[in-house]
Amino acid sequence: VYFMDDKKNDDNVIGLYEIVRDRYGKKHKVYSARFKDLHTIMNFTQHYSPDSFGLYMLAPVIDKDGEVDMDAEGNINYDNGFYGDLMEMIEMALDHRETREQIEEWLDIEVARNIIMVYLRVSQFKKNNPLNLEKRLIGEI
């Protein structure tokens, strides 16, 4: 279900959003993208597929010699940049109305995938005709 948030006290301000529920049943509004965020969104979608988020989380860093990078204690380094990129996209999708720390308290991999899919879908709408696009299941977009 898509909602239009028409703010009567602002001139011609309409926000398009869709509600997503987290694992605890709490509602979060996923808003359409702002023009200033389009470059970040394009970079994210060029590098990552929502169907593979779990794999990205577990992908180790590969060093310049093609070996799996290890930290000082001999553990595999998984800090490959995906988590930071994902959190940046989710913060944008939620219109920065929640802090990263707040989001981390309820976010899981399936909700993250859902938020990104909704964000990409809602961001393709036009202001004058937002309800004519069909809603599709995750993975069909």
N, C-alpha and C. Protein backbone atom coordinates (compact mmCIF):
# COMPACT_ATOMS: atom_id res chain seq x y z
N VAL A 1 0.85 -1.17 0.00
CA VAL A 1 0.00 0.00 0.00
C VAL A 1 0.89 1.23 0.00
N TYR A 2 0.61 2.13 -0.89
CA TYR A 2 1.39 3.36 -1.01
C TYR A 2 0.60 4.50 -0.41
N PHE A 3 1.28 5.40 0.23
CA PHE A 3 0.63 6.53 0.89
C PHE A 3 1.22 7.82 0.37
N MET A 4 0.38 8.79 0.28
CA MET A 4 0.82 10.14 -0.04
C MET A 4 0.76 10.94 1.25
N ASP A 5 1.82 11.61 1.56
CA ASP A 5 1.89 12.42 2.77
C ASP A 5 1.85 13.87 2.34
N ASP A 6 0.67 14.44 2.29
CA ASP A 6 0.48 15.81 1.83
C ASP A 6 0.54 16.74 3.03
N LYS A 7 1.59 17.52 3.09
CA LYS A 7 1.79 18.43 4.22
C LYS A 7 1.12 19.75 3.89
N LYS A 8 0.05 20.03 4.57
CA LYS A 8 -0.76 21.23 4.27
C LYS A 8 -0.02 22.53 4.55
N ASN A 9 0.93 22.52 5.48
CA ASN A 9 1.61 23.77 5.82
C ASN A 9 2.77 24.07 4.88
N ASP A 10 3.16 23.17 4.01
CA ASP A 10 4.21 23.41 3.03
C ASP A 10 3.57 23.50 1.65
N ASP A 11 4.11 24.36 0.80
CA ASP A 11 3.57 24.50 -0.54
C ASP A 11 4.05 23.36 -1.44
N ASN A 12 3.10 22.63 -2.04
CA ASN A 12 3.39 21.59 -3.02
C ASN A 12 4.38 20.53 -2.53
N VAL A 13 4.32 20.15 -1.29
CA VAL A 13 5.20 19.11 -0.78
C VAL A 13 4.40 17.83 -0.62
N ILE A 14 4.79 16.83 -1.39
CA ILE A 14 4.14 15.53 -1.30
C ILE A 14 5.24 14.50 -1.14
N GLY A 15 5.11 13.67 -0.14
CA GLY A 15 6.08 12.61 0.08
C GLY A 15 5.44 11.27 -0.18
N LEU A 16 6.09 10.43 -0.96
CA LEU A 16 5.58 9.11 -1.26
C LEU A 16 6.34 8.11 -0.40
N TYR A 17 5.60 7.24 0.29
CA TYR A 17 6.25 6.24 1.13
C TYR A 17 5.42 4.96 1.18
N GLU A 18 6.08 3.92 1.63
CA GLU A 18 5.42 2.64 1.87
C GLU A 18 5.86 2.17 3.25
N ILE A 19 4.96 1.54 3.96
CA ILE A 19 5.26 1.07 5.31
C ILE A 19 5.83 -0.35 5.26
N VAL A 20 6.92 -0.54 6.00
CA VAL A 20 7.56 -1.85 6.15
C VAL A 20 7.57 -2.17 7.64
N ARG A 21 7.27 -3.41 7.97
CA ARG A 21 7.31 -3.85 9.38
C ARG A 21 8.61 -4.60 9.64
N ASP A 22 9.19 -4.34 10.82
CA ASP A 22 10.40 -5.06 11.20
C ASP A 22 10.04 -6.37 11.90
N ARG A 23 11.01 -7.07 12.37
CA ARG A 23 10.80 -8.39 12.99
C ARG A 23 9.98 -8.32 14.26
N TYR A 24 9.87 -7.13 14.85
CA TYR A 24 9.10 -6.95 16.08
C TYR A 24 7.71 -6.37 15.82
N GLY A 25 7.37 -6.18 14.55
CA GLY A 25 6.06 -5.66 14.19
C GLY A 25 5.99 -4.14 14.14
N LYS A 26 7.08 -3.45 14.44
CA LYS A 26 7.09 -1.99 14.40
C LYS A 26 7.10 -1.51 12.95
N LYS A 27 6.35 -0.45 12.68
CA LYS A 27 6.24 0.10 11.33
C LYS A 27 7.33 1.14 11.09
N HIS A 28 7.84 1.12 9.86
CA HIS A 28 8.85 2.10 9.42
C HIS A 28 8.43 2.57 8.03
N LYS A 29 8.51 3.87 7.80
CA LYS A 29 8.16 4.43 6.50
C LYS A 29 9.39 4.45 5.60
N VAL A 30 9.24 3.85 4.41
CA VAL A 30 10.28 3.86 3.39
C VAL A 30 9.86 4.90 2.36
N TYR A 31 10.66 5.95 2.24
CA TYR A 31 10.33 7.09 1.38
C TYR A 31 10.98 6.96 0.00
N SER A 32 10.46 7.72 -0.94
CA SER A 32 11.08 7.78 -2.26
C SER A 32 12.41 8.54 -2.15
N ALA A 33 13.29 8.27 -3.08
CA ALA A 33 14.64 8.84 -3.06
C ALA A 33 14.62 10.33 -3.37
N ARG A 34 15.58 11.00 -2.77
CA ARG A 34 15.82 12.41 -3.09
C ARG A 34 16.82 12.48 -4.24
N PHE A 35 16.71 13.52 -5.05
CA PHE A 35 17.62 13.65 -6.19
C PHE A 35 19.08 13.64 -5.75
N LYS A 36 19.38 14.23 -4.61
CA LYS A 36 20.77 14.30 -4.16
C LYS A 36 21.33 12.92 -3.82
N ASP A 37 20.48 11.91 -3.64
CA ASP A 37 20.92 10.56 -3.29
C ASP A 37 21.03 9.63 -4.49
N LEU A 38 20.67 10.09 -5.67
CA LEU A 38 20.64 9.21 -6.85
C LEU A 38 21.99 8.59 -7.17
N HIS A 39 23.07 9.34 -7.02
CA HIS A 39 24.41 8.81 -7.32
C HIS A 39 24.73 7.65 -6.37
N THR A 40 24.42 7.81 -5.09
CA THR A 40 24.66 6.75 -4.11
C THR A 40 23.84 5.51 -4.44
N ILE A 41 22.59 5.72 -4.82
CA ILE A 41 21.71 4.60 -5.17
C ILE A 41 22.24 3.86 -6.40
N MET A 42 22.67 4.61 -7.41
CA MET A 42 23.19 3.98 -8.63
C MET A 42 24.44 3.17 -8.32
N ASN A 43 25.33 3.70 -7.50
CA ASN A 43 26.54 2.95 -7.12
C ASN A 43 26.17 1.67 -6.39
N PHE A 44 25.22 1.76 -5.47
CA PHE A 44 24.81 0.59 -4.71
C PHE A 44 24.23 -0.49 -5.63
N THR A 45 23.32 -0.10 -6.51
CA THR A 45 22.67 -1.09 -7.38
C THR A 45 23.62 -1.66 -8.42
N GLN A 46 24.69 -0.97 -8.75
CA GLN A 46 25.69 -1.52 -9.67
C GLN A 46 26.56 -2.58 -8.99
N HIS A 47 26.71 -2.47 -7.67
CA HIS A 47 27.61 -3.37 -6.96
C HIS A 47 26.90 -4.54 -6.26
N TYR A 48 25.64 -4.36 -5.89
CA TYR A 48 24.98 -5.35 -5.05
C TYR A 48 23.61 -5.73 -5.59
N SER A 49 23.27 -7.01 -5.42
CA SER A 49 21.94 -7.52 -5.76
C SER A 49 21.22 -7.88 -4.46
N PRO A 50 20.00 -7.40 -4.25
CA PRO A 50 19.27 -7.74 -3.02
C PRO A 50 19.12 -9.23 -2.78
N ASP A 51 19.13 -10.03 -3.82
CA ASP A 51 19.00 -11.48 -3.66
C ASP A 51 20.24 -12.12 -3.03
N SER A 52 21.33 -11.38 -2.97
CA SER A 52 22.59 -11.94 -2.46
C SER A 52 23.11 -11.24 -1.21
N PHE A 53 22.26 -10.52 -0.49
CA PHE A 53 22.72 -9.77 0.69
C PHE A 53 23.43 -10.66 1.70
N GLY A 54 22.91 -11.85 1.94
CA GLY A 54 23.54 -12.75 2.90
C GLY A 54 24.96 -13.12 2.49
N LEU A 55 25.17 -13.32 1.20
CA LEU A 55 26.51 -13.65 0.71
C LEU A 55 27.47 -12.49 0.87
N TYR A 56 26.99 -11.27 0.60
CA TYR A 56 27.86 -10.10 0.76
C TYR A 56 28.29 -9.94 2.21
N MET A 57 27.39 -10.23 3.15
CA MET A 57 27.73 -10.09 4.57
C MET A 57 28.85 -11.05 4.96
N LEU A 58 28.92 -12.20 4.28
CA LEU A 58 29.89 -13.23 4.63
C LEU A 58 31.12 -13.25 3.71
N ALA A 59 31.18 -12.33 2.77
CA ALA A 59 32.30 -12.32 1.83
C ALA A 59 33.54 -11.71 2.50
N PRO A 60 34.63 -12.47 2.54
CA PRO A 60 35.84 -11.94 3.17
C PRO A 60 36.53 -10.90 2.28
N VAL A 61 37.34 -10.09 2.89
CA VAL A 61 38.16 -9.13 2.16
C VAL A 61 39.32 -9.91 1.54
N ILE A 62 39.59 -9.63 0.28
CA ILE A 62 40.70 -10.26 -0.43
C ILE A 62 41.82 -9.23 -0.55
N ASP A 63 43.02 -9.60 -0.11
CA ASP A 63 44.13 -8.64 -0.14
C ASP A 63 44.71 -8.53 -1.55
N LYS A 64 45.75 -7.70 -1.70
CA LYS A 64 46.32 -7.43 -3.03
C LYS A 64 46.98 -8.65 -3.66
N ASP A 65 47.31 -9.65 -2.83
CA ASP A 65 47.91 -10.88 -3.35
C ASP A 65 46.87 -11.94 -3.69
N GLY A 66 45.59 -11.61 -3.54
CA GLY A 66 44.51 -12.55 -3.84
C GLY A 66 44.22 -13.52 -2.71
N GLU A 67 44.75 -13.24 -1.53
CA GLU A 67 44.53 -14.09 -0.36
C GLU A 67 43.46 -13.49 0.53
N VAL A 68 42.81 -14.34 1.32
CA VAL A 68 41.82 -13.85 2.29
C VAL A 68 42.55 -13.06 3.36
N ASP A 69 42.09 -11.83 3.59
CA ASP A 69 42.72 -10.94 4.57
C ASP A 69 42.37 -11.38 5.99
N MET A 70 43.36 -11.37 6.85
CA MET A 70 43.18 -11.75 8.26
C MET A 70 43.50 -10.56 9.15
N ASP A 71 42.81 -10.49 10.30
CA ASP A 71 43.11 -9.42 11.26
C ASP A 71 44.28 -9.85 12.15
N ALA A 72 44.63 -9.01 13.12
CA ALA A 72 45.79 -9.26 13.98
C ALA A 72 45.67 -10.56 14.78
N GLU A 73 44.43 -10.94 15.10
CA GLU A 73 44.22 -12.17 15.89
C GLU A 73 44.08 -13.42 15.02
N GLY A 74 44.23 -13.27 13.71
CA GLY A 74 44.13 -14.41 12.81
C GLY A 74 42.72 -14.72 12.36
N ASN A 75 41.77 -13.83 12.62
CA ASN A 75 40.39 -14.01 12.17
C ASN A 75 40.21 -13.44 10.77
N ILE A 76 39.30 -14.04 10.01
CA ILE A 76 39.01 -13.55 8.66
C ILE A 76 38.39 -12.16 8.75
N ASN A 77 38.87 -11.26 7.89
CA ASN A 77 38.37 -9.89 7.83
C ASN A 77 37.15 -9.85 6.91
N TYR A 78 35.99 -9.58 7.48
CA TYR A 78 34.75 -9.48 6.70
C TYR A 78 34.33 -8.03 6.45
N ASP A 79 35.17 -7.08 6.79
CA ASP A 79 34.83 -5.67 6.63
C ASP A 79 35.04 -5.25 5.17
N ASN A 80 34.18 -5.77 4.29
CA ASN A 80 34.32 -5.57 2.85
C ASN A 80 33.60 -4.33 2.32
N GLY A 81 32.98 -3.55 3.20
CA GLY A 81 32.30 -2.32 2.79
C GLY A 81 30.81 -2.48 2.57
N PHE A 82 30.32 -3.72 2.42
CA PHE A 82 28.90 -3.93 2.15
C PHE A 82 28.02 -3.40 3.26
N TYR A 83 28.36 -3.70 4.51
CA TYR A 83 27.51 -3.30 5.62
C TYR A 83 27.34 -1.78 5.68
N GLY A 84 28.42 -1.06 5.52
CA GLY A 84 28.35 0.41 5.53
C GLY A 84 27.50 0.93 4.39
N ASP A 85 27.68 0.36 3.20
CA ASP A 85 26.89 0.77 2.03
C ASP A 85 25.41 0.46 2.25
N LEU A 86 25.12 -0.72 2.78
CA LEU A 86 23.74 -1.12 3.06
C LEU A 86 23.09 -0.17 4.07
N MET A 87 23.80 0.12 5.14
CA MET A 87 23.24 1.00 6.18
C MET A 87 23.01 2.41 5.64
N GLU A 88 23.89 2.88 4.78
CA GLU A 88 23.69 4.20 4.17
C GLU A 88 22.41 4.22 3.35
N MET A 89 22.17 3.16 2.57
CA MET A 89 20.95 3.07 1.76
C MET A 89 19.71 3.01 2.65
N ILE A 90 19.76 2.25 3.73
CA ILE A 90 18.61 2.12 4.61
C ILE A 90 18.33 3.44 5.33
N GLU A 91 19.37 4.13 5.75
CA GLU A 91 19.18 5.45 6.36
C GLU A 91 18.51 6.40 5.37
N MET A 92 18.92 6.37 4.11
CA MET A 92 18.30 7.22 3.09
C MET A 92 16.85 6.81 2.87
N ALA A 93 16.60 5.50 2.81
CA ALA A 93 15.24 4.99 2.58
C ALA A 93 14.29 5.43 3.69
N LEU A 94 14.80 5.49 4.90
CA LEU A 94 13.99 5.91 6.05
C LEU A 94 14.04 7.43 6.26
N ASP A 95 14.60 8.13 5.28
CA ASP A 95 14.68 9.59 5.27
C ASP A 95 15.43 10.13 6.49
N HIS A 96 16.40 9.37 6.97
CA HIS A 96 17.24 9.77 8.11
C HIS A 96 16.42 10.11 9.35
N ARG A 97 15.27 9.48 9.49
CA ARG A 97 14.40 9.73 10.65
C ARG A 97 14.74 8.82 11.82
N GLU A 98 15.64 7.86 11.58
CA GLU A 98 16.15 6.98 12.64
C GLU A 98 17.67 6.97 12.51
N THR A 99 18.35 6.90 13.64
CA THR A 99 19.81 6.84 13.61
C THR A 99 20.26 5.43 13.24
N ARG A 100 21.49 5.31 12.83
CA ARG A 100 22.05 4.00 12.50
C ARG A 100 21.96 3.07 13.70
N GLU A 101 22.23 3.60 14.88
CA GLU A 101 22.16 2.79 16.10
C GLU A 101 20.75 2.28 16.35
N GLN A 102 19.75 3.13 16.12
CA GLN A 102 18.36 2.69 16.28
C GLN A 102 18.01 1.61 15.26
N ILE A 103 18.43 1.80 14.04
CA ILE A 103 18.14 0.83 12.98
C ILE A 103 18.78 -0.52 13.29
N GLU A 104 20.00 -0.49 13.78
CA GLU A 104 20.72 -1.73 14.08
C GLU A 104 20.03 -2.57 15.15
N GLU A 105 19.20 -1.95 15.97
CA GLU A 105 18.49 -2.68 17.02
C GLU A 105 17.39 -3.60 16.47
N TRP A 106 16.83 -3.27 15.31
CA TRP A 106 15.72 -4.07 14.78
C TRP A 106 15.99 -4.67 13.40
N LEU A 107 17.03 -4.25 12.72
CA LEU A 107 17.27 -4.68 11.34
C LEU A 107 17.80 -6.11 11.27
N ASP A 108 17.22 -6.90 10.39
CA ASP A 108 17.78 -8.21 10.05
C ASP A 108 17.92 -8.26 8.53
N ILE A 109 18.52 -9.32 8.02
CA ILE A 109 18.85 -9.38 6.60
C ILE A 109 17.60 -9.37 5.71
N GLU A 110 16.52 -10.02 6.13
CA GLU A 110 15.30 -10.04 5.31
C GLU A 110 14.62 -8.68 5.30
N VAL A 111 14.57 -8.02 6.45
CA VAL A 111 13.97 -6.68 6.50
C VAL A 111 14.83 -5.71 5.69
N ALA A 112 16.15 -5.86 5.76
CA ALA A 112 17.05 -5.01 4.97
C ALA A 112 16.76 -5.17 3.48
N ARG A 113 16.64 -6.42 3.04
CA ARG A 113 16.34 -6.69 1.63
C ARG A 113 15.00 -6.07 1.24
N ASN A 114 14.00 -6.23 2.10
CA ASN A 114 12.67 -5.68 1.83
C ASN A 114 12.72 -4.15 1.73
N ILE A 115 13.41 -3.51 2.65
CA ILE A 115 13.51 -2.04 2.63
C ILE A 115 14.17 -1.57 1.33
N ILE A 116 15.24 -2.22 0.93
CA ILE A 116 15.93 -1.81 -0.30
C ILE A 116 15.03 -2.02 -1.52
N MET A 117 14.33 -3.14 -1.59
CA MET A 117 13.44 -3.38 -2.72
C MET A 117 12.31 -2.35 -2.77
N VAL A 118 11.72 -2.05 -1.62
CA VAL A 118 10.65 -1.05 -1.56
C VAL A 118 11.20 0.32 -1.94
N TYR A 119 12.36 0.67 -1.41
CA TYR A 119 12.99 1.97 -1.70
C TYR A 119 13.22 2.14 -3.20
N LEU A 120 13.73 1.12 -3.84
CA LEU A 120 13.97 1.21 -5.29
C LEU A 120 12.66 1.30 -6.06
N ARG A 121 11.65 0.55 -5.64
CA ARG A 121 10.36 0.58 -6.33
C ARG A 121 9.65 1.92 -6.13
N VAL A 122 9.57 2.39 -4.91
CA VAL A 122 8.87 3.65 -4.61
C VAL A 122 9.58 4.82 -5.27
N SER A 123 10.88 4.75 -5.41
CA SER A 123 11.65 5.85 -5.98
C SER A 123 11.46 6.01 -7.48
N GLN A 124 10.85 5.04 -8.12
CA GLN A 124 10.61 5.13 -9.56
C GLN A 124 9.29 5.79 -9.89
N PHE A 125 8.48 6.09 -8.88
CA PHE A 125 7.17 6.69 -9.12
C PHE A 125 7.29 8.14 -9.54
N LYS A 126 6.27 8.58 -10.27
CA LYS A 126 6.14 10.00 -10.61
C LYS A 126 5.14 10.63 -9.66
N LYS A 127 5.38 11.87 -9.31
CA LYS A 127 4.53 12.58 -8.35
C LYS A 127 3.07 12.65 -8.80
N ASN A 128 2.83 12.82 -10.09
CA ASN A 128 1.45 13.02 -10.55
C ASN A 128 0.65 11.75 -10.74
N ASN A 129 1.28 10.56 -10.67
CA ASN A 129 0.54 9.33 -10.89
C ASN A 129 1.17 8.18 -10.11
N PRO A 130 1.17 8.23 -8.78
CA PRO A 130 1.93 7.27 -7.99
C PRO A 130 1.31 5.90 -7.82
N LEU A 131 0.04 5.73 -8.11
CA LEU A 131 -0.62 4.48 -7.75
C LEU A 131 -0.84 3.52 -8.91
N ASN A 132 -0.30 3.82 -10.09
CA ASN A 132 -0.60 2.97 -11.23
C ASN A 132 0.42 1.85 -11.43
N LEU A 133 1.48 1.79 -10.66
CA LEU A 133 2.45 0.71 -10.81
C LEU A 133 2.05 -0.45 -9.93
N GLU A 134 2.16 -1.64 -10.46
CA GLU A 134 1.77 -2.82 -9.69
C GLU A 134 2.84 -3.15 -8.66
N LYS A 135 2.40 -3.68 -7.56
CA LYS A 135 3.31 -4.11 -6.51
C LYS A 135 3.71 -5.55 -6.80
N ARG A 136 5.02 -5.83 -6.78
CA ARG A 136 5.49 -7.17 -7.07
C ARG A 136 6.24 -7.73 -5.87
N LEU A 137 6.33 -9.05 -5.81
CA LEU A 137 7.02 -9.70 -4.72
C LEU A 137 8.51 -9.43 -4.80
N ILE A 138 9.17 -9.53 -3.64
CA ILE A 138 10.62 -9.38 -3.61
C ILE A 138 11.24 -10.41 -4.53
N GLY A 139 12.22 -9.99 -5.29
CA GLY A 139 12.89 -10.89 -6.22
C GLY A 139 12.36 -10.79 -7.64
N GLU A 140 11.17 -10.20 -7.80
CA GLU A 140 10.60 -10.04 -9.14
C GLU A 140 10.94 -8.69 -9.74
N ILE A 141 11.54 -7.83 -8.96
CA ILE A 141 11.82 -6.48 -9.43
C ILE A 141 13.18 -6.45 -10.07
